[in-house]
Amino acid sequence: MLTIHAPCKVNWYLEIPGRRPDGFHEIVTVMQTISLHDTLTLTDRPDGTVSFDCRVDLGPPEHNLVVRAAKLAQRLAPGRGVHLSLIKRVPHGAGLGGGSSDGACTLVALNRLWNLGQSNDQLRQLAAELGSDCAFFIEGGTALCTGRGEQVRQLADQTGKHLVILYPNDVCPTKDVYADLARRLTYGRPESYFFHVFESNAGPEKIASVVTNRLQDSALRVSSRLADVWGKTAHETGVIVRFVSGSGSSIAFLVPDAAVAQSLARSLGDRGLGQAFATHTLPRGPRWE
């Protein structure tokens, strides 16, 4: 039996240079894992089957990335089986990559449980079959992701950064956000200067100077609830920078320290603006329980 934490992410930087010939959008993004996480427990089964349970309704199990990841891993371990138990904390459809992290961390854990002997590069190749963001979560930390998101280059870990994540209790469909972006033809070119910020562990003000999300305006147009909450959080005390994470609908607030994070999370929750989490950034590497 193994238990692993599956952390979610924010995007410090997200640009969309254009659409690819295969129909996907080309992205250039810097992703960052944070301490808000799901918990996955894997128990070896001798009968060769994959079973799954979660108290949250995530739809048919066969469509869940955790189950799909286990079936991918079975290619390397015919006859092996596993029971997967997921405790879900990361909100669904929040732009935080919770499902992608669950799938990737399943591969990481099965690599250990079943002694598959796969390198991180090999695990990333498997993870890319699950979804564009999954490859990043094999190591997490801070990374530059390009292509569809499956091409990953680790950057210097940005540790010691404190954030508040506010989920306004509204799902922001990724396909709708990209459709809005396409209609408005707001494709851009990545700024070259932002790479230098992540060559070492930068201060929060330096990171704030390059925070960009090409999808932010589209997400605010797609979700009226997100737009409403965005307007109500324009002047929060102690916030260095705020931004929509990924395609939404979560808002991330970068703050100076843990005390400010805890205070802001309580305030946002008490005002009924959604689910608020005080979090911090993580270095690369799996988190075993």
Protein backbone atom coordinates (compact mmCIF):
# COMPACT_ATOMS: atom_id res chain seq x y z
CA MET A 1 0.00 0.00 0.00
CA LEU A 2 1.17 3.54 -0.84
CA THR A 3 -0.33 6.98 -0.21
CA ILE A 4 0.69 9.98 -2.31
CA HIS A 5 -0.39 13.61 -2.29
CA ALA A 6 -1.43 14.99 -5.68
CA PRO A 7 -0.82 18.78 -5.60
CA CYS A 8 -2.62 21.24 -7.82
CA LYS A 9 -1.01 24.12 -9.73
CA VAL A 10 -1.17 27.74 -10.71
CA ASN A 11 0.24 29.32 -13.87
CA TRP A 12 2.69 32.14 -13.24
CA TYR A 13 2.74 32.80 -16.97
CA LEU A 14 0.46 31.62 -19.76
CA GLU A 15 0.67 32.77 -23.37
CA ILE A 16 -1.08 31.34 -26.45
CA PRO A 17 1.08 31.91 -29.56
CA GLY A 18 -1.50 30.32 -31.87
CA ARG A 19 -3.33 27.21 -33.01
CA ARG A 20 -1.45 24.06 -34.06
CA PRO A 21 -2.12 22.05 -37.24
CA ASP A 22 -3.53 19.23 -35.06
CA GLY A 23 -6.26 21.56 -33.75
CA PHE A 24 -4.77 22.07 -30.29
CA HIS A 25 -3.57 25.46 -29.11
CA GLU A 26 0.14 26.10 -28.76
CA ILE A 27 0.93 27.24 -25.22
CA VAL A 28 3.90 28.68 -23.39
CA THR A 29 3.37 28.53 -19.65
CA VAL A 30 5.23 28.42 -16.36
CA MET A 31 3.40 26.08 -14.00
CA GLN A 32 3.88 25.87 -10.24
CA THR A 33 2.69 23.18 -7.83
CA ILE A 34 1.16 24.36 -4.56
CA SER A 35 0.30 22.67 -1.28
CA LEU A 36 -3.46 22.30 -1.91
CA HIS A 37 -3.74 18.63 -2.85
CA ASP A 38 -5.82 15.50 -3.29
CA THR A 39 -4.75 12.29 -1.53
CA LEU A 40 -4.50 8.97 -3.35
CA THR A 41 -4.03 5.60 -1.65
CA LEU A 42 -3.07 2.59 -3.79
CA THR A 43 -3.43 -0.99 -2.59
CA ASP A 44 -1.97 -3.86 -4.62
CA ARG A 45 -4.50 -6.41 -5.90
CA PRO A 46 -3.44 -9.93 -6.83
CA ASP A 47 -6.36 -10.50 -9.22
CA GLY A 48 -5.18 -8.13 -11.96
CA THR A 49 -8.17 -5.77 -11.78
CA VAL A 50 -8.32 -1.98 -11.32
CA SER A 51 -10.93 -0.68 -8.86
CA PHE A 52 -11.62 2.88 -7.74
CA ASP A 53 -13.54 4.74 -5.04
CA CYS A 54 -14.08 8.41 -4.23
CA ARG A 55 -16.74 10.07 -2.08
CA VAL A 56 -17.09 12.85 -4.67
CA ASP A 57 -19.07 12.01 -7.81
CA LEU A 58 -16.53 12.31 -10.64
CA GLY A 59 -18.60 10.55 -13.29
CA PRO A 60 -18.00 7.06 -14.72
CA PRO A 61 -14.81 5.54 -13.20
CA GLU A 62 -13.54 4.41 -16.61
CA HIS A 63 -13.32 8.07 -17.68
CA ASN A 64 -11.40 9.16 -14.57
CA LEU A 65 -7.72 9.95 -15.13
CA VAL A 66 -6.73 7.90 -12.08
CA VAL A 67 -8.26 4.76 -13.56
CA ARG A 68 -6.96 5.53 -17.04
CA ALA A 69 -3.45 6.03 -15.63
CA ALA A 70 -3.56 2.67 -13.87
CA LYS A 71 -4.61 0.94 -17.08
CA LEU A 72 -1.74 2.65 -18.91
CA ALA A 73 0.68 1.38 -16.26
CA GLN A 74 -0.69 -2.15 -16.70
CA ARG A 75 0.92 -2.19 -20.15
CA LEU A 76 4.24 -2.39 -18.29
CA ALA A 77 2.99 -4.82 -15.65
CA PRO A 78 0.58 -7.36 -17.18
CA GLY A 79 -1.44 -9.18 -14.56
CA ARG A 80 -0.93 -6.58 -11.83
CA GLY A 81 -3.98 -4.98 -10.22
CA VAL A 82 -4.64 -2.10 -7.85
CA HIS A 83 -7.38 -0.51 -5.77
CA LEU A 84 -7.32 3.29 -5.97
CA SER A 85 -8.92 5.39 -3.23
CA LEU A 86 -9.08 9.15 -3.86
CA ILE A 87 -9.77 11.88 -1.30
CA LYS A 88 -10.73 14.93 -3.36
CA ARG A 89 -9.95 18.41 -2.01
CA VAL A 90 -9.03 20.34 -5.17
CA PRO A 91 -12.22 21.79 -6.73
CA HIS A 92 -13.20 20.34 -10.10
CA GLY A 93 -13.15 22.64 -13.14
CA ALA A 94 -11.21 25.31 -11.28
CA GLY A 95 -8.20 25.78 -13.57
CA LEU A 96 -5.96 24.14 -10.97
CA GLY A 97 -5.16 20.88 -12.78
CA GLY A 98 -6.48 18.65 -10.00
CA GLY A 99 -7.55 15.80 -12.26
CA SER A 100 -4.32 15.94 -14.26
CA SER A 101 -2.30 15.76 -11.05
CA ASP A 102 -4.33 12.78 -9.83
CA GLY A 103 -3.58 10.90 -13.05
CA ALA A 104 0.13 11.75 -13.10
CA CYS A 105 0.62 10.90 -9.43
CA THR A 106 -1.08 7.54 -10.04
CA LEU A 107 1.69 6.77 -12.54
CA VAL A 108 4.39 7.92 -10.11
CA ALA A 109 2.96 5.77 -7.32
CA LEU A 110 2.48 2.67 -9.48
CA ASN A 111 6.03 3.02 -10.76
CA ARG A 112 7.09 2.52 -7.13
CA LEU A 113 4.42 0.03 -6.05
CA TRP A 114 4.90 -2.25 -9.04
CA ASN A 115 8.70 -1.68 -9.41
CA LEU A 116 8.28 -0.57 -13.03
CA GLY A 117 11.70 1.09 -13.20
CA GLN A 118 10.53 4.00 -15.35
CA SER A 119 12.49 7.26 -15.44
CA ASN A 120 10.70 10.60 -15.08
CA ASP A 121 11.07 11.17 -18.82
CA GLN A 122 9.43 7.81 -19.53
CA LEU A 123 6.63 8.58 -17.06
CA ARG A 124 6.08 11.95 -18.75
CA GLN A 125 5.62 10.20 -22.09
CA LEU A 126 2.93 8.00 -20.53
CA ALA A 127 1.32 10.96 -18.79
CA ALA A 128 1.08 12.89 -22.06
CA GLU A 129 -1.33 10.19 -23.27
CA LEU A 130 -3.70 11.15 -20.46
CA GLY A 131 -3.81 14.90 -21.08
CA SER A 132 -1.75 17.97 -21.88
CA ASP A 133 -1.12 19.06 -18.26
CA CYS A 134 -0.36 15.60 -16.90
CA ALA A 135 3.30 15.47 -17.91
CA PHE A 136 4.10 18.48 -15.71
CA PHE A 137 2.81 16.76 -12.57
CA ILE A 138 5.27 13.84 -12.83
CA GLU A 139 7.79 16.11 -11.06
CA GLY A 140 5.86 19.30 -10.34
CA GLY A 141 7.77 22.19 -8.80
CA THR A 142 8.31 25.04 -11.25
CA ALA A 143 8.50 24.22 -14.97
CA LEU A 144 8.23 25.73 -18.41
CA CYS A 145 5.65 23.79 -20.44
CA THR A 146 5.28 24.21 -24.20
CA GLY A 147 3.63 22.47 -27.15
CA ARG A 148 0.22 21.36 -25.89
CA GLY A 149 1.73 21.54 -22.41
CA GLU A 150 3.35 18.10 -22.63
CA GLN A 151 6.90 19.40 -23.28
CA VAL A 152 8.34 20.08 -19.84
CA ARG A 153 11.55 21.82 -18.80
CA GLN A 154 12.20 22.12 -15.07
CA LEU A 155 13.10 25.60 -13.81
CA ALA A 156 14.47 26.72 -10.46
CA ASP A 157 12.02 25.80 -7.70
CA GLN A 158 10.13 28.87 -6.52
CA THR A 159 9.79 27.90 -2.86
CA GLY A 160 8.49 29.96 0.03
CA LYS A 161 5.77 31.78 -1.93
CA HIS A 162 2.38 32.12 -0.26
CA LEU A 163 -0.89 32.25 -2.15
CA VAL A 164 -4.59 32.21 -1.51
CA ILE A 165 -6.72 30.27 -3.97
CA LEU A 166 -10.34 31.37 -4.28
CA TYR A 167 -12.74 29.06 -6.10
CA PRO A 168 -16.00 30.97 -6.67
CA ASN A 169 -18.08 27.78 -6.86
CA ASP A 170 -18.54 27.99 -10.61
CA VAL A 171 -17.02 25.73 -13.27
CA CYS A 172 -15.43 27.58 -16.17
CA PRO A 173 -15.40 25.15 -19.16
CA THR A 174 -11.98 25.18 -20.82
CA LYS A 175 -13.43 24.70 -24.30
CA ASP A 176 -15.64 27.79 -23.89
CA VAL A 177 -12.71 29.91 -22.73
CA TYR A 178 -10.58 28.87 -25.72
CA ALA A 179 -13.53 29.48 -28.05
CA ASP A 180 -13.87 33.02 -26.73
CA LEU A 181 -10.14 33.58 -27.20
CA ALA A 182 -10.29 32.30 -30.80
CA ARG A 183 -13.21 34.58 -31.68
CA ARG A 184 -11.32 37.62 -30.48
CA LEU A 185 -8.04 36.66 -32.14
CA THR A 186 -5.99 37.75 -29.15
CA TYR A 187 -3.07 35.39 -29.79
CA GLY A 188 0.22 36.78 -28.58
CA ARG A 189 3.95 36.19 -28.68
CA PRO A 190 5.76 35.09 -25.51
CA GLU A 191 7.85 37.74 -23.83
CA SER A 192 11.48 36.62 -23.68
CA TYR A 193 12.29 38.46 -20.46
CA PHE A 194 10.15 36.27 -18.22
CA PHE A 195 12.51 33.27 -18.48
CA HIS A 196 15.19 35.08 -16.48
CA VAL A 197 12.92 35.47 -13.47
CA PHE A 198 12.88 31.70 -12.97
CA GLU A 199 16.62 31.04 -13.18
CA SER A 200 16.76 31.15 -9.36
CA ASN A 201 14.36 31.34 -6.44
CA ALA A 202 12.91 34.82 -7.05
CA GLY A 203 11.17 37.13 -4.64
CA PRO A 204 7.37 37.48 -4.89
CA GLU A 205 7.58 41.04 -6.27
CA LYS A 206 9.85 39.87 -9.09
CA ILE A 207 7.47 37.04 -9.96
CA ALA A 208 4.54 39.45 -9.82
CA SER A 209 6.22 41.63 -12.47
CA VAL A 210 5.88 38.88 -15.10
CA VAL A 211 2.56 37.30 -14.11
CA THR A 212 0.52 36.99 -17.32
CA ASN A 213 -2.50 34.95 -18.36
CA ARG A 214 -3.68 35.25 -21.95
CA LEU A 215 -6.86 33.33 -21.01
CA GLN A 216 -7.83 35.59 -18.12
CA ASP A 217 -10.05 38.05 -20.01
CA SER A 218 -11.80 35.21 -21.82
CA ALA A 219 -12.45 33.37 -18.54
CA LEU A 220 -13.94 36.55 -17.06
CA ARG A 221 -16.26 36.86 -20.06
CA VAL A 222 -17.30 33.19 -19.97
CA SER A 223 -18.14 33.07 -16.23
CA SER A 224 -20.32 35.88 -14.90
CA ARG A 225 -19.82 34.52 -11.38
CA LEU A 226 -16.03 34.72 -11.78
CA ALA A 227 -16.34 38.27 -13.16
CA ASP A 228 -18.48 39.28 -10.19
CA VAL A 229 -16.04 37.86 -7.64
CA TRP A 230 -13.10 39.38 -9.56
CA GLY A 231 -14.69 42.79 -9.21
CA LYS A 232 -15.31 42.30 -5.49
CA THR A 233 -11.67 41.36 -4.77
CA ALA A 234 -9.92 44.24 -6.54
CA HIS A 235 -8.60 45.90 -3.36
CA GLU A 236 -7.67 43.14 -0.91
CA THR A 237 -5.14 44.13 1.77
CA GLY A 238 -1.63 42.73 1.40
CA VAL A 239 -2.02 41.28 -2.10
CA ILE A 240 1.06 41.60 -4.31
CA VAL A 241 -0.70 40.42 -7.46
CA ARG A 242 -3.87 38.47 -8.31
CA PHE A 243 -4.59 36.47 -11.43
CA VAL A 244 -6.94 33.85 -12.83
CA SER A 245 -5.29 30.42 -12.78
CA GLY A 246 -5.25 28.65 -16.14
CA SER A 247 -8.60 28.79 -17.89
CA GLY A 248 -10.40 29.55 -14.60
CA SER A 249 -12.44 29.71 -12.56
CA SER A 250 -10.06 30.08 -9.60
CA ILE A 251 -8.41 33.36 -8.64
CA ALA A 252 -4.90 33.23 -7.14
CA PHE A 253 -3.63 35.95 -4.80
CA LEU A 254 0.13 36.15 -4.24
CA VAL A 255 0.78 37.52 -0.74
CA PRO A 256 3.91 38.23 1.35
CA ASP A 257 3.62 35.56 4.06
CA ALA A 258 1.57 32.81 5.69
CA ALA A 259 -0.16 35.15 8.16
CA VAL A 260 -1.54 37.35 5.37
CA ALA A 261 -2.60 34.21 3.47
CA GLN A 262 -4.54 32.84 6.44
CA SER A 263 -6.21 36.19 7.12
CA LEU A 264 -7.21 36.72 3.48
CA ALA A 265 -8.55 33.17 3.10
CA ARG A 266 -10.74 33.63 6.17
CA SER A 267 -12.02 36.99 4.92
CA LEU A 268 -12.90 35.73 1.45
CA GLY A 269 -14.70 32.71 2.88
CA ASP A 270 -16.59 34.74 5.51
CA ARG A 271 -17.84 37.09 2.77
CA GLY A 272 -19.36 34.19 0.84
CA LEU A 273 -17.16 34.63 -2.22
CA GLY A 274 -16.36 30.92 -2.52
CA GLN A 275 -13.96 28.29 -1.20
CA ALA A 276 -10.71 29.94 -0.11
CA PHE A 277 -7.46 28.08 0.59
CA ALA A 278 -4.22 29.42 2.10
CA THR A 279 -1.41 27.60 0.28
CA HIS A 280 2.30 27.76 -0.47
CA THR A 281 4.52 26.74 -3.38
CA LEU A 282 6.21 23.32 -3.51
CA PRO A 283 9.55 22.14 -4.88
CA ARG A 284 9.65 19.33 -7.41
CA GLY A 285 9.32 15.71 -6.34
CA PRO A 286 6.58 13.37 -5.07
CA ARG A 287 4.90 13.85 -1.69
CA TRP A 288 4.48 10.52 0.08
CA GLU A 289 2.36 10.18 3.22
